[in-house]
Protein backbone atom coordinates (compact mmCIF):
# COMPACT_ATOMS: atom_id res chain seq x y z
CA MET A 1 99.30 113.28 91.59
CA GLY A 2 102.20 113.78 94.69
CA GLY A 3 101.06 117.04 96.36
CA GLU A 4 97.53 116.86 95.19
CA GLN A 5 97.14 113.17 96.15
CA ALA A 6 98.40 113.99 100.09
CA ASN A 7 95.90 116.67 100.86
CA ARG A 8 93.18 114.25 99.61
CA GLU A 9 90.87 112.34 103.14
CA ILE A 10 91.33 108.73 102.40
CA ASP A 11 88.06 106.87 103.66
CA ILE A 12 89.20 103.11 104.14
CA SER A 13 85.29 102.07 104.92
CA VAL A 14 85.67 100.91 101.59
CA VAL A 15 87.38 97.70 103.05
CA ALA A 16 84.05 96.89 104.45
CA THR A 17 81.89 98.16 101.96
CA GLY A 18 83.49 97.24 98.52
CA LYS A 19 82.10 100.61 97.79
CA GLY A 20 83.55 103.76 96.00
CA GLY A 21 87.48 103.60 95.69
CA GLY A 22 88.65 105.21 99.02
CA GLY A 23 89.19 108.41 98.20
CA VAL A 24 92.46 107.33 96.26
CA GLU A 25 93.25 108.05 92.75
CA HIS A 26 92.17 105.07 90.51
CA GLY A 27 91.41 103.27 94.00
CA ARG A 28 87.93 101.33 92.20
CA ALA A 29 90.99 99.61 90.33
CA LEU A 30 92.95 99.24 92.49
CA ILE A 31 90.81 97.34 94.53
CA GLU A 32 89.43 95.24 92.42
CA PHE A 33 92.86 94.35 91.06
CA VAL A 34 93.57 93.07 95.04
CA ASP A 35 90.44 91.25 95.62
CA ALA A 36 90.67 89.31 92.18
CA VAL A 37 93.95 88.08 93.19
CA ILE A 38 93.16 86.91 96.20
CA ALA A 39 90.32 85.46 94.77
CA LEU A 40 92.85 83.43 93.15
CA VAL A 41 90.34 83.61 89.60
CA PRO A 42 92.23 83.71 86.71
CA GLU A 43 89.82 85.61 84.41
CA GLU A 44 89.38 88.17 87.05
CA ILE A 45 92.91 88.43 87.87
CA HIS A 46 94.04 89.11 83.91
CA ALA A 47 90.33 91.38 83.55
CA ALA A 48 91.54 93.73 86.39
CA ARG A 49 94.55 93.63 85.82
CA GLU A 50 94.27 95.26 82.37
CA LYS A 51 91.50 97.80 83.69
CA LEU A 52 94.26 98.63 86.28
CA LYS A 53 97.00 98.73 83.22
CA ASN A 54 95.06 101.00 81.29
CA ALA A 55 94.91 103.45 84.24
CA ILE A 56 98.09 103.37 86.04
CA GLY A 57 100.20 101.74 83.05
CA VAL A 58 102.67 98.77 83.28
CA ALA A 59 105.09 100.43 86.04
CA GLY A 60 101.65 100.84 88.15
CA VAL A 61 100.37 97.38 87.88
CA VAL A 62 104.35 96.09 89.18
CA ASP A 63 104.30 98.15 91.95
CA ALA A 64 100.62 97.19 92.75
CA ALA A 65 101.69 93.58 92.85
CA ALA A 66 104.52 94.08 94.45
CA VAL A 67 102.61 95.45 97.17
CA LEU A 68 100.27 93.75 97.46
CA ALA A 69 102.18 90.25 97.48
CA MET A 70 104.56 91.91 100.30
CA PHE A 71 101.82 92.42 102.79
CA GLN A 72 100.75 89.05 102.01
CA LEU A 73 103.66 87.56 103.03
CA ASN A 74 105.26 89.86 105.63
CA THR A 75 101.78 89.06 107.66
CA ARG A 76 102.35 85.21 107.21
CA ALA A 77 105.63 85.25 107.58
CA ALA A 78 105.40 86.73 110.72
CA ASP A 79 102.72 84.19 112.00
CA ALA A 80 104.28 81.32 110.45
CA ALA A 81 107.66 82.00 112.39
CA GLY A 82 105.48 82.62 115.49
CA ILE A 83 106.27 86.36 116.63
CA ALA A 84 104.41 87.34 119.66
CA LEU A 85 101.99 90.26 119.69
CA ASP A 86 102.14 92.65 123.07
CA ASP A 87 98.57 93.36 123.69
CA ARG A 88 98.56 96.46 122.31
CA THR A 89 99.09 95.85 119.26
CA ILE A 90 96.68 92.63 119.32
CA GLU A 91 94.19 95.50 120.54
CA ILE A 92 95.04 98.44 117.52
CA ARG A 93 95.03 95.14 115.15
CA ASP A 94 91.67 94.56 116.56
CA GLN A 95 90.00 97.87 116.54
CA VAL A 96 90.92 98.20 113.04
CA GLY A 97 89.27 94.88 112.07
CA ILE A 98 85.87 95.76 113.41
CA ALA A 99 86.15 99.48 111.82
CA LEU A 100 86.42 97.38 108.59
CA GLY A 101 84.04 94.85 109.69
CA PHE A 102 85.97 91.84 110.48
CA GLU A 103 85.51 89.83 113.42
CA SER A 104 88.35 90.01 115.96
CA ARG A 105 91.18 87.20 115.51
CA PRO A 106 93.05 84.99 117.88
CA GLU A 107 96.32 86.22 119.10
CA GLY A 108 96.04 88.54 116.51
CA ILE A 109 96.49 86.15 113.59
CA ALA A 110 95.58 87.43 110.10
CA PRO A 111 93.34 85.77 107.96
């Protein structure tokens, strides 16, 4: 996976469109897992976790869950702590968000 994966082009438009896997190995299963966890629907989480486990194994699911949790934690902790973002960071967040189909956020605060 390592070297071969590094040469693939990643397509972030999958975040906005919900179609495909973004050019990432098992990307569709990873996206379905993230969507299910964020939606907080136990049946969907179970189904997505099982599909992902069949694709990448238990250790891979644990890694995916840890990455998902850290993204949620870090962003929310920084926002909750009132960490100020500089104008350039807000601008970059807005540009990425707009590219993914999201509206700009006041002061760069995460959704």
